[in-house]
Amino acid sequence: MNGRCFRSEQHAVRVAPSTPSNATLKNITMTRWWFFTLLSVFLMADEVSLQETVVGFIGGSAVLPCSSKEPPLTNQGIDVRWRNKYKLNVYDIMEGKGSVEEQNPQYNNRAETFPEEYKTGNFSLKLNNLQHTDAGKYLCYIISEESEDWIVELLIKEHPERQLPDEGTKPRPEMLVMIISILCIGILFS
């Protein structure tokens, strides 16, 4: 043992090196368990919220995702409403068919969907000729037996310095999550 020895006038006393008690070790273990549990809940919360962020460029196009958990068997009964941050009509899908009858004029000839994808539950919206005024949140309401809502944030940027695909790009939060996780693990085990 690497204990220290103290001498007094009457006798020598050996002091053992301090070691954490079982209670302290249990507290450290529980703290780590709670940390990783809360971290995983935090990371999964983004997936549960059905919120997406899409980046588009001025003059380009962006696809705003929206899909149903339960794909419909037929086009009958498919009703989907796309609305912008001001609740203006961007695009409607009624009884499985695209409708622009009540569409806000600022989206005329700029909004489209993918009818061949409706049966798979994909009701994504493509906005063309993007403008600064298109930036903001869009709501996709899937109206069925179990209604679903999607919130998509559209960020608009100037033309990129290098040419990117015209469909817009999604930020990659998984890289940030990985870096934060590695840092946390390093701190905990150091």
N, C-alpha and C. Protein backbone atom coordinates (compact mmCIF):
# COMPACT_ATOMS: atom_id res chain seq x y z
N MET A 1 0.82 -1.18 0.00
CA MET A 1 0.00 0.00 0.00
C MET A 1 0.86 1.24 0.00
N ASN A 2 0.36 2.29 -0.67
CA ASN A 2 1.09 3.54 -0.70
C ASN A 2 0.57 4.50 0.36
N GLY A 3 0.32 4.03 1.53
CA GLY A 3 -0.20 4.88 2.59
C GLY A 3 0.89 5.79 3.14
N ARG A 4 0.49 6.83 3.82
CA ARG A 4 1.44 7.75 4.44
C ARG A 4 1.60 7.37 5.90
N CYS A 5 2.73 7.59 6.42
CA CYS A 5 3.00 7.23 7.81
C CYS A 5 3.22 8.49 8.62
N PHE A 6 2.53 8.62 9.73
CA PHE A 6 2.68 9.76 10.64
C PHE A 6 3.18 9.22 11.97
N ARG A 7 4.13 9.88 12.51
CA ARG A 7 4.65 9.46 13.82
C ARG A 7 4.24 10.48 14.86
N SER A 8 3.75 9.96 15.89
CA SER A 8 3.51 10.82 17.05
C SER A 8 4.42 10.33 18.16
N GLU A 9 4.41 11.03 19.24
CA GLU A 9 5.30 10.63 20.32
C GLU A 9 4.94 9.27 20.88
N GLN A 10 3.69 8.85 20.76
CA GLN A 10 3.29 7.59 21.37
C GLN A 10 3.38 6.42 20.40
N HIS A 11 2.92 6.55 19.18
CA HIS A 11 2.99 5.43 18.25
C HIS A 11 2.82 5.89 16.80
N ALA A 12 3.19 5.04 15.85
CA ALA A 12 3.08 5.36 14.43
C ALA A 12 1.68 5.00 13.95
N VAL A 13 1.13 5.85 13.11
CA VAL A 13 -0.21 5.63 12.57
C VAL A 13 -0.09 5.57 11.04
N ARG A 14 -0.63 4.51 10.45
CA ARG A 14 -0.62 4.36 9.00
C ARG A 14 -2.00 4.77 8.48
N VAL A 15 -2.02 5.68 7.51
CA VAL A 15 -3.26 6.18 6.91
C VAL A 15 -3.34 5.61 5.51
N ALA A 16 -4.42 4.90 5.22
CA ALA A 16 -4.61 4.31 3.89
C ALA A 16 -4.98 5.40 2.90
N PRO A 17 -4.57 5.23 1.62
CA PRO A 17 -4.96 6.23 0.62
C PRO A 17 -6.48 6.25 0.49
N SER A 18 -7.00 7.44 0.19
CA SER A 18 -8.46 7.55 0.12
C SER A 18 -8.97 6.89 -1.17
N THR A 19 -10.01 6.10 -1.03
CA THR A 19 -10.67 5.45 -2.17
C THR A 19 -12.13 5.83 -2.09
N PRO A 20 -12.77 5.99 -3.24
CA PRO A 20 -14.18 6.37 -3.20
C PRO A 20 -15.01 5.26 -2.55
N SER A 21 -15.98 5.68 -1.82
CA SER A 21 -16.86 4.71 -1.17
C SER A 21 -17.81 4.12 -2.20
N ASN A 22 -18.48 3.05 -1.84
CA ASN A 22 -19.47 2.43 -2.73
C ASN A 22 -20.58 3.41 -3.07
N ALA A 23 -20.99 4.22 -2.11
CA ALA A 23 -22.05 5.21 -2.35
C ALA A 23 -21.61 6.24 -3.39
N THR A 24 -20.35 6.68 -3.30
CA THR A 24 -19.83 7.64 -4.26
C THR A 24 -19.77 7.03 -5.65
N LEU A 25 -19.29 5.79 -5.74
CA LEU A 25 -19.23 5.10 -7.04
C LEU A 25 -20.63 4.93 -7.62
N LYS A 26 -21.59 4.60 -6.76
CA LYS A 26 -22.98 4.43 -7.21
C LYS A 26 -23.53 5.76 -7.73
N ASN A 27 -23.22 6.87 -7.04
CA ASN A 27 -23.69 8.18 -7.50
C ASN A 27 -23.08 8.55 -8.84
N ILE A 28 -21.78 8.26 -9.02
CA ILE A 28 -21.13 8.54 -10.29
C ILE A 28 -21.77 7.71 -11.40
N THR A 29 -22.01 6.44 -11.13
CA THR A 29 -22.62 5.55 -12.12
C THR A 29 -24.02 6.04 -12.48
N MET A 30 -24.81 6.41 -11.47
CA MET A 30 -26.17 6.89 -11.72
C MET A 30 -26.15 8.21 -12.49
N THR A 31 -25.20 9.09 -12.18
CA THR A 31 -25.10 10.37 -12.89
C THR A 31 -24.79 10.12 -14.36
N ARG A 32 -23.85 9.22 -14.64
CA ARG A 32 -23.53 8.89 -16.03
C ARG A 32 -24.73 8.27 -16.73
N TRP A 33 -25.45 7.37 -16.03
CA TRP A 33 -26.62 6.72 -16.63
C TRP A 33 -27.66 7.77 -16.99
N TRP A 34 -27.96 8.70 -16.07
CA TRP A 34 -28.94 9.76 -16.34
C TRP A 34 -28.48 10.66 -17.48
N PHE A 35 -27.19 10.98 -17.49
CA PHE A 35 -26.67 11.83 -18.55
C PHE A 35 -26.90 11.21 -19.92
N PHE A 36 -26.52 9.93 -20.07
CA PHE A 36 -26.68 9.27 -21.37
C PHE A 36 -28.15 9.03 -21.71
N THR A 37 -28.98 8.76 -20.71
CA THR A 37 -30.40 8.59 -20.96
C THR A 37 -31.01 9.90 -21.47
N LEU A 38 -30.72 11.00 -20.78
CA LEU A 38 -31.26 12.30 -21.19
C LEU A 38 -30.68 12.74 -22.53
N LEU A 39 -29.41 12.44 -22.77
CA LEU A 39 -28.80 12.77 -24.06
C LEU A 39 -29.51 12.03 -25.19
N SER A 40 -29.79 10.75 -25.00
CA SER A 40 -30.46 9.99 -26.06
C SER A 40 -31.89 10.47 -26.27
N VAL A 41 -32.59 10.85 -25.19
CA VAL A 41 -33.95 11.39 -25.33
C VAL A 41 -33.89 12.70 -26.10
N PHE A 42 -32.91 13.56 -25.76
CA PHE A 42 -32.76 14.83 -26.45
C PHE A 42 -32.49 14.61 -27.94
N LEU A 43 -31.64 13.66 -28.26
CA LEU A 43 -31.29 13.41 -29.65
C LEU A 43 -32.47 12.82 -30.43
N MET A 44 -33.28 12.00 -29.77
CA MET A 44 -34.42 11.39 -30.45
C MET A 44 -35.58 12.37 -30.56
N ALA A 45 -35.63 13.39 -29.72
CA ALA A 45 -36.74 14.33 -29.73
C ALA A 45 -36.86 15.01 -31.07
N ASP A 46 -35.74 15.27 -31.74
CA ASP A 46 -35.78 15.89 -33.04
C ASP A 46 -36.50 15.00 -34.04
N GLU A 47 -36.33 13.70 -33.93
CA GLU A 47 -36.99 12.78 -34.85
C GLU A 47 -38.48 12.70 -34.60
N VAL A 48 -38.89 12.79 -33.34
CA VAL A 48 -40.29 12.64 -32.99
C VAL A 48 -41.10 13.86 -33.39
N SER A 49 -40.49 15.04 -33.44
CA SER A 49 -41.24 16.26 -33.67
C SER A 49 -41.74 16.40 -35.11
N LEU A 50 -41.28 15.59 -36.02
CA LEU A 50 -41.65 15.65 -37.43
C LEU A 50 -41.35 17.03 -38.01
N GLN A 51 -40.28 17.63 -37.54
CA GLN A 51 -39.88 18.92 -38.05
C GLN A 51 -38.61 18.74 -38.86
N GLU A 52 -38.57 19.37 -40.00
CA GLU A 52 -37.43 19.29 -40.90
C GLU A 52 -36.93 20.70 -41.21
N THR A 53 -35.69 20.79 -41.60
CA THR A 53 -35.14 22.05 -42.09
C THR A 53 -34.55 21.79 -43.46
N VAL A 54 -34.90 22.65 -44.40
CA VAL A 54 -34.42 22.52 -45.78
C VAL A 54 -33.79 23.84 -46.17
N VAL A 55 -32.66 23.77 -46.88
CA VAL A 55 -31.98 24.96 -47.36
C VAL A 55 -32.15 25.03 -48.87
N GLY A 56 -32.59 26.18 -49.35
CA GLY A 56 -32.74 26.41 -50.78
C GLY A 56 -32.00 27.67 -51.17
N PHE A 57 -31.79 27.86 -52.47
CA PHE A 57 -31.04 29.00 -52.96
C PHE A 57 -31.90 29.84 -53.90
N ILE A 58 -31.70 31.14 -53.84
CA ILE A 58 -32.46 32.07 -54.66
C ILE A 58 -32.45 31.60 -56.11
N GLY A 59 -33.65 31.53 -56.71
CA GLY A 59 -33.79 31.12 -58.09
C GLY A 59 -33.81 29.62 -58.30
N GLY A 60 -33.45 28.86 -57.29
CA GLY A 60 -33.42 27.40 -57.40
C GLY A 60 -34.73 26.77 -56.94
N SER A 61 -34.66 25.49 -56.61
CA SER A 61 -35.82 24.74 -56.14
C SER A 61 -35.48 24.07 -54.82
N ALA A 62 -36.52 23.74 -54.06
CA ALA A 62 -36.34 23.02 -52.81
C ALA A 62 -37.53 22.09 -52.63
N VAL A 63 -37.26 20.89 -52.14
CA VAL A 63 -38.32 19.92 -51.86
C VAL A 63 -38.56 19.92 -50.36
N LEU A 64 -39.80 20.23 -49.97
CA LEU A 64 -40.20 20.23 -48.57
C LEU A 64 -40.83 18.88 -48.27
N PRO A 65 -40.22 18.09 -47.39
CA PRO A 65 -40.70 16.72 -47.16
C PRO A 65 -41.98 16.68 -46.32
N CYS A 66 -42.81 15.71 -46.65
CA CYS A 66 -44.02 15.43 -45.88
C CYS A 66 -44.47 14.03 -46.27
N SER A 67 -44.54 13.14 -45.30
CA SER A 67 -44.98 11.78 -45.61
C SER A 67 -45.78 11.22 -44.46
N SER A 68 -46.66 10.30 -44.81
CA SER A 68 -47.54 9.68 -43.84
C SER A 68 -46.90 8.42 -43.28
N LYS A 69 -47.14 8.17 -41.99
CA LYS A 69 -46.64 6.93 -41.37
C LYS A 69 -47.36 5.72 -41.96
N GLU A 70 -48.63 5.89 -42.25
CA GLU A 70 -49.46 4.83 -42.82
C GLU A 70 -49.81 5.19 -44.25
N PRO A 71 -49.08 4.67 -45.24
CA PRO A 71 -49.40 5.01 -46.63
C PRO A 71 -50.81 4.57 -47.00
N PRO A 72 -51.53 5.42 -47.74
CA PRO A 72 -52.89 5.06 -48.16
C PRO A 72 -52.86 3.95 -49.21
N LEU A 73 -53.90 3.15 -49.25
CA LEU A 73 -53.98 2.06 -50.22
C LEU A 73 -54.43 2.57 -51.59
N THR A 74 -55.25 3.61 -51.59
CA THR A 74 -55.74 4.19 -52.84
C THR A 74 -55.61 5.70 -52.76
N ASN A 75 -55.79 6.36 -53.90
CA ASN A 75 -55.76 7.82 -53.92
C ASN A 75 -57.04 8.43 -53.34
N GLN A 76 -58.10 7.62 -53.24
CA GLN A 76 -59.36 8.12 -52.68
C GLN A 76 -59.16 8.43 -51.21
N GLY A 77 -59.71 9.51 -50.78
CA GLY A 77 -59.63 9.87 -49.37
C GLY A 77 -58.32 10.54 -48.98
N ILE A 78 -57.45 10.81 -49.94
CA ILE A 78 -56.19 11.50 -49.62
C ILE A 78 -56.45 13.01 -49.66
N ASP A 79 -56.31 13.65 -48.53
CA ASP A 79 -56.42 15.11 -48.44
C ASP A 79 -55.21 15.64 -47.69
N VAL A 80 -54.49 16.52 -48.33
CA VAL A 80 -53.30 17.12 -47.75
C VAL A 80 -53.35 18.61 -48.02
N ARG A 81 -53.01 19.40 -47.01
CA ARG A 81 -53.00 20.85 -47.14
C ARG A 81 -51.59 21.37 -46.81
N TRP A 82 -51.02 22.12 -47.74
CA TRP A 82 -49.75 22.80 -47.51
C TRP A 82 -50.05 24.27 -47.27
N ARG A 83 -49.56 24.80 -46.13
CA ARG A 83 -49.77 26.21 -45.78
C ARG A 83 -48.43 26.82 -45.39
N ASN A 84 -48.28 28.13 -45.64
CA ASN A 84 -47.04 28.79 -45.24
C ASN A 84 -47.20 29.40 -43.85
N LYS A 85 -46.19 30.14 -43.42
CA LYS A 85 -46.17 30.70 -42.06
C LYS A 85 -47.33 31.64 -41.79
N TYR A 86 -47.93 32.20 -42.85
CA TYR A 86 -49.06 33.11 -42.69
C TYR A 86 -50.39 32.40 -42.92
N LYS A 87 -50.34 31.08 -42.98
CA LYS A 87 -51.52 30.23 -43.21
C LYS A 87 -52.10 30.42 -44.62
N LEU A 88 -51.28 30.94 -45.54
CA LEU A 88 -51.71 31.08 -46.92
C LEU A 88 -51.64 29.74 -47.62
N ASN A 89 -52.56 29.50 -48.55
CA ASN A 89 -52.63 28.25 -49.28
C ASN A 89 -51.47 28.17 -50.28
N VAL A 90 -50.61 27.17 -50.08
CA VAL A 90 -49.49 26.95 -50.99
C VAL A 90 -49.89 25.89 -52.01
N TYR A 91 -50.51 24.80 -51.54
CA TYR A 91 -50.92 23.71 -52.43
C TYR A 91 -51.86 22.78 -51.68
N ASP A 92 -52.84 22.24 -52.37
CA ASP A 92 -53.76 21.26 -51.78
C ASP A 92 -53.75 19.98 -52.60
N ILE A 93 -53.92 18.89 -51.91
CA ILE A 93 -54.16 17.60 -52.55
C ILE A 93 -55.51 17.14 -52.03
N MET A 94 -56.49 17.04 -52.96
CA MET A 94 -57.84 16.68 -52.56
C MET A 94 -58.28 15.44 -53.32
N GLU A 95 -58.69 14.44 -52.54
CA GLU A 95 -59.10 13.15 -53.13
C GLU A 95 -58.02 12.59 -54.05
N GLY A 96 -56.77 12.79 -53.65
CA GLY A 96 -55.65 12.23 -54.40
C GLY A 96 -55.26 13.00 -55.63
N LYS A 97 -55.76 14.23 -55.79
CA LYS A 97 -55.42 15.04 -56.97
C LYS A 97 -54.97 16.42 -56.53
N GLY A 98 -53.94 16.94 -57.19
CA GLY A 98 -53.44 18.27 -56.89
C GLY A 98 -54.47 19.33 -57.22
N SER A 99 -54.56 20.35 -56.40
CA SER A 99 -55.52 21.42 -56.60
C SER A 99 -54.86 22.76 -56.33
N VAL A 100 -55.00 23.68 -57.29
CA VAL A 100 -54.45 25.02 -57.12
C VAL A 100 -55.57 26.07 -57.18
N GLU A 101 -56.81 25.62 -57.05
CA GLU A 101 -57.97 26.54 -57.15
C GLU A 101 -57.92 27.66 -56.12
N GLU A 102 -57.55 27.35 -54.90
CA GLU A 102 -57.51 28.36 -53.85
C GLU A 102 -56.09 28.75 -53.47
N GLN A 103 -55.16 28.45 -54.35
CA GLN A 103 -53.75 28.72 -54.10
C GLN A 103 -53.47 30.22 -54.06
N ASN A 104 -52.63 30.65 -53.13
CA ASN A 104 -52.24 32.04 -53.05
C ASN A 104 -51.45 32.40 -54.31
N PRO A 105 -51.71 33.56 -54.91
CA PRO A 105 -51.06 33.93 -56.18
C PRO A 105 -49.53 33.91 -56.15
N GLN A 106 -48.92 34.14 -55.00
CA GLN A 106 -47.45 34.15 -54.97
C GLN A 106 -46.84 32.78 -55.25
N TYR A 107 -47.67 31.71 -55.21
CA TYR A 107 -47.17 30.37 -55.49
C TYR A 107 -47.61 29.84 -56.86
N ASN A 108 -48.32 30.65 -57.64
CA ASN A 108 -48.77 30.21 -58.97
C ASN A 108 -47.59 29.75 -59.82
N ASN A 109 -47.74 28.59 -60.40
CA ASN A 109 -46.73 27.99 -61.30
C ASN A 109 -45.38 27.77 -60.62
N ARG A 110 -45.34 27.78 -59.30
CA ARG A 110 -44.07 27.54 -58.59
C ARG A 110 -44.14 26.36 -57.64
N ALA A 111 -45.33 25.87 -57.33
CA ALA A 111 -45.49 24.76 -56.38
C ALA A 111 -46.00 23.53 -57.11
N GLU A 112 -45.39 22.38 -56.78
CA GLU A 112 -45.82 21.12 -57.39
C GLU A 112 -45.58 19.97 -56.41
N THR A 113 -46.29 18.89 -56.62
CA THR A 113 -46.09 17.69 -55.81
C THR A 113 -45.77 16.53 -56.74
N PHE A 114 -45.75 15.33 -56.18
CA PHE A 114 -45.37 14.14 -56.93
C PHE A 114 -46.51 13.12 -56.86
N PRO A 115 -47.52 13.24 -57.73
CA PRO A 115 -48.71 12.39 -57.65
C PRO A 115 -48.41 10.89 -57.68
N GLU A 116 -47.35 10.49 -58.37
CA GLU A 116 -46.99 9.07 -58.43
C GLU A 116 -46.53 8.54 -57.07
N GLU A 117 -46.22 9.44 -56.15
CA GLU A 117 -45.74 9.06 -54.82
C GLU A 117 -46.84 9.04 -53.76
N TYR A 118 -48.04 9.51 -54.09
CA TYR A 118 -49.11 9.59 -53.09
C TYR A 118 -49.42 8.24 -52.45
N LYS A 119 -49.46 7.18 -53.26
CA LYS A 119 -49.80 5.86 -52.73
C LYS A 119 -48.77 5.34 -51.73
N THR A 120 -47.54 5.86 -51.81
CA THR A 120 -46.52 5.45 -50.85
C THR A 120 -46.53 6.34 -49.61
N GLY A 121 -47.42 7.33 -49.60
CA GLY A 121 -47.52 8.22 -48.45
C GLY A 121 -46.62 9.44 -48.54
N ASN A 122 -46.02 9.68 -49.71
CA ASN A 122 -45.13 10.84 -49.90
C ASN A 122 -45.93 12.01 -50.48
N PHE A 123 -46.06 13.09 -49.69
CA PHE A 123 -46.80 14.27 -50.12
C PHE A 123 -45.89 15.50 -50.14
N SER A 124 -44.63 15.27 -50.44
CA SER A 124 -43.64 16.36 -50.45
C SER A 124 -44.02 17.41 -51.49
N LEU A 125 -43.59 18.63 -51.21
CA LEU A 125 -43.89 19.77 -52.06
C LEU A 125 -42.60 20.32 -52.63
N LYS A 126 -42.58 20.60 -53.92
CA LYS A 126 -41.41 21.21 -54.54
C LYS A 126 -41.75 22.66 -54.87
N LEU A 127 -40.94 23.57 -54.34
CA LEU A 127 -41.09 25.00 -54.65
C LEU A 127 -39.99 25.38 -55.64
N ASN A 128 -40.39 26.00 -56.74
CA ASN A 128 -39.45 26.41 -57.78
C ASN A 128 -39.24 27.92 -57.75
N ASN A 129 -38.18 28.37 -58.40
CA ASN A 129 -37.87 29.79 -58.49
C ASN A 129 -37.94 30.46 -57.12
N LEU A 130 -37.15 29.95 -56.19
CA LEU A 130 -37.19 30.42 -54.80
C LEU A 130 -36.84 31.89 -54.68
N GLN A 131 -37.54 32.55 -53.74
CA GLN A 131 -37.34 33.97 -53.46
C GLN A 131 -37.10 34.14 -51.96
N HIS A 132 -36.55 35.29 -51.58
CA HIS A 132 -36.33 35.54 -50.16
C HIS A 132 -37.63 35.43 -49.36
N THR A 133 -38.74 35.84 -49.95
CA THR A 133 -40.03 35.81 -49.24
C THR A 133 -40.54 34.39 -48.99
N ASP A 134 -39.94 33.40 -49.63
CA ASP A 134 -40.34 32.00 -49.41
C ASP A 134 -39.79 31.44 -48.10
N ALA A 135 -38.83 32.11 -47.50
CA ALA A 135 -38.21 31.61 -46.26
C ALA A 135 -39.25 31.57 -45.15
N GLY A 136 -39.13 30.56 -44.29
CA GLY A 136 -40.02 30.45 -43.13
C GLY A 136 -40.56 29.05 -42.97
N LYS A 137 -41.53 28.94 -42.08
CA LYS A 137 -42.11 27.63 -41.79
C LYS A 137 -43.28 27.33 -42.72
N TYR A 138 -43.36 26.05 -43.08
CA TYR A 138 -44.46 25.54 -43.89
C TYR A 138 -45.10 24.39 -43.12
N LEU A 139 -46.40 24.30 -43.20
CA LEU A 139 -47.14 23.26 -42.50
C LEU A 139 -47.77 22.33 -43.51
N CYS A 140 -47.61 21.05 -43.30
CA CYS A 140 -48.23 20.03 -44.13
C CYS A 140 -49.21 19.28 -43.25
N TYR A 141 -50.49 19.39 -43.56
CA TYR A 141 -51.54 18.70 -42.80
C TYR A 141 -52.01 17.51 -43.62
N ILE A 142 -51.80 16.32 -43.12
CA ILE A 142 -52.29 15.12 -43.77
C ILE A 142 -53.60 14.78 -43.07
N ILE A 143 -54.69 14.86 -43.80
CA ILE A 143 -56.01 14.65 -43.20
C ILE A 143 -56.47 13.24 -43.56
N SER A 144 -56.53 12.39 -42.54
CA SER A 144 -56.96 11.00 -42.74
C SER A 144 -57.54 10.51 -41.42
N GLU A 145 -57.71 9.20 -41.27
CA GLU A 145 -58.22 8.66 -40.02
C GLU A 145 -57.34 9.08 -38.85
N GLU A 146 -56.03 9.05 -39.06
CA GLU A 146 -55.09 9.53 -38.05
C GLU A 146 -54.33 10.70 -38.67
N SER A 147 -54.82 11.91 -38.46
CA SER A 147 -54.21 13.10 -39.05
C SER A 147 -52.78 13.28 -38.56
N GLU A 148 -51.96 13.81 -39.44
CA GLU A 148 -50.55 14.06 -39.12
C GLU A 148 -50.20 15.47 -39.58
N ASP A 149 -49.30 16.09 -38.86
CA ASP A 149 -48.82 17.43 -39.22
C ASP A 149 -47.31 17.40 -39.33
N TRP A 150 -46.80 18.07 -40.33
CA TRP A 150 -45.37 18.23 -40.51
C TRP A 150 -45.07 19.72 -40.51
N ILE A 151 -43.96 20.10 -39.91
CA ILE A 151 -43.49 21.47 -39.94
C ILE A 151 -42.14 21.44 -40.65
N VAL A 152 -42.03 22.23 -41.70
CA VAL A 152 -40.79 22.28 -42.46
C VAL A 152 -40.31 23.73 -42.49
N GLU A 153 -39.09 23.94 -42.05
CA GLU A 153 -38.50 25.28 -42.08
C GLU A 153 -37.67 25.39 -43.34
N LEU A 154 -37.99 26.39 -44.14
CA LEU A 154 -37.24 26.63 -45.38
C LEU A 154 -36.31 27.82 -45.17
N LEU A 155 -35.02 27.57 -45.32
CA LEU A 155 -34.02 28.64 -45.24
C LEU A 155 -33.60 28.98 -46.65
N ILE A 156 -33.53 30.26 -46.95
CA ILE A 156 -33.16 30.71 -48.29
C ILE A 156 -31.81 31.41 -48.22
N LYS A 157 -30.92 31.01 -49.11
CA LYS A 157 -29.58 31.60 -49.17
C LYS A 157 -29.32 32.10 -50.58
N GLU A 158 -28.31 32.97 -50.68
CA GLU A 158 -27.87 33.44 -51.99
C GLU A 158 -27.25 32.25 -52.72
N HIS A 159 -26.96 32.44 -53.99
CA HIS A 159 -26.34 31.36 -54.76
C HIS A 159 -25.06 30.90 -54.08
N PRO A 160 -24.87 29.59 -54.00
CA PRO A 160 -23.63 29.09 -53.41
C PRO A 160 -22.46 29.38 -54.34
N GLU A 161 -21.26 29.40 -53.77
CA GLU A 161 -20.08 29.65 -54.58
C GLU A 161 -19.82 28.49 -55.54
N ARG A 162 -20.09 27.29 -55.09
CA ARG A 162 -19.96 26.13 -55.98
C ARG A 162 -21.36 25.64 -56.32
N GLN A 163 -21.52 25.00 -57.43
CA GLN A 163 -22.83 24.55 -57.90
C GLN A 163 -23.30 23.34 -57.11
N LEU A 164 -24.50 23.40 -56.55
CA LEU A 164 -25.10 22.30 -55.82
C LEU A 164 -26.35 21.83 -56.54
N PRO A 165 -26.84 20.63 -56.22
CA PRO A 165 -28.08 20.16 -56.85
C PRO A 165 -29.22 21.15 -56.61
N ASP A 166 -30.18 21.16 -57.50
CA ASP A 166 -31.26 22.13 -57.49
C ASP A 166 -32.36 21.82 -56.48
N GLU A 167 -32.37 20.67 -55.84
CA GLU A 167 -33.46 20.30 -54.94
C GLU A 167 -33.30 20.85 -53.53
N GLY A 168 -32.26 21.59 -53.25
CA GLY A 168 -32.03 22.08 -51.90
C GLY A 168 -31.26 21.04 -51.10
N THR A 169 -30.75 21.44 -49.97
CA THR A 169 -29.97 20.52 -49.16
C THR A 169 -30.43 20.61 -47.72
N LYS A 170 -30.21 19.52 -46.99
CA LYS A 170 -30.57 19.49 -45.58
C LYS A 170 -29.28 19.58 -44.76
N PRO A 171 -29.31 20.37 -43.69
CA PRO A 171 -28.15 20.38 -42.80
C PRO A 171 -27.93 18.99 -42.21
N ARG A 172 -26.72 18.68 -41.81
CA ARG A 172 -26.41 17.36 -41.28
C ARG A 172 -26.19 17.44 -39.78
N PRO A 173 -27.28 17.37 -39.00
CA PRO A 173 -27.13 17.46 -37.55
C PRO A 173 -26.44 16.24 -36.95
N GLU A 174 -26.43 15.11 -37.65
CA GLU A 174 -25.81 13.92 -37.07
C GLU A 174 -24.32 14.11 -36.85
N MET A 175 -23.65 14.95 -37.65
CA MET A 175 -22.22 15.20 -37.45
C MET A 175 -22.02 15.99 -36.15
N LEU A 176 -22.86 16.98 -35.91
CA LEU A 176 -22.79 17.76 -34.67
C LEU A 176 -23.07 16.87 -33.47
N VAL A 177 -24.05 15.99 -33.58
CA VAL A 177 -24.39 15.08 -32.49
C VAL A 177 -23.22 14.15 -32.19
N MET A 178 -22.56 13.66 -33.22
CA MET A 178 -21.43 12.77 -33.03
C MET A 178 -20.28 13.49 -32.31
N ILE A 179 -19.99 14.72 -32.70
CA ILE A 179 -18.92 15.48 -32.07
C ILE A 179 -19.24 15.74 -30.60
N ILE A 180 -20.47 16.14 -30.31
CA ILE A 180 -20.87 16.41 -28.93
C ILE A 180 -20.80 15.13 -28.11
N SER A 181 -21.25 14.02 -28.66
CA SER A 181 -21.21 12.74 -27.95
C SER A 181 -19.78 12.33 -27.61
N ILE A 182 -18.87 12.48 -28.55
CA ILE A 182 -17.48 12.12 -28.32
C ILE A 182 -16.88 13.00 -27.23
N LEU A 183 -17.18 14.30 -27.28
CA LEU A 183 -16.67 15.20 -26.25
C LEU A 183 -17.21 14.83 -24.87
N CYS A 184 -18.51 14.52 -24.78
CA CYS A 184 -19.12 14.15 -23.51
C CYS A 184 -18.51 12.86 -22.95
N ILE A 185 -18.33 11.89 -23.81
CA ILE A 185 -17.75 10.61 -23.37
C ILE A 185 -16.32 10.85 -22.90
N GLY A 186 -15.58 11.67 -23.64
CA GLY A 186 -14.21 11.98 -23.23
C GLY A 186 -14.15 12.65 -21.88
N ILE A 187 -15.06 13.58 -21.64
CA ILE A 187 -15.10 14.28 -20.36
C ILE A 187 -15.48 13.34 -19.24
N LEU A 188 -16.47 12.48 -19.47
CA LEU A 188 -16.92 11.56 -18.43
C LEU A 188 -15.87 10.54 -18.04
N PHE A 189 -15.09 10.07 -18.99
CA PHE A 189 -14.13 9.02 -18.69
C PHE A 189 -12.72 9.55 -18.46
N SER A 190 -12.57 10.86 -18.39
CA SER A 190 -11.23 11.39 -18.13
C SER A 190 -10.98 11.57 -16.66
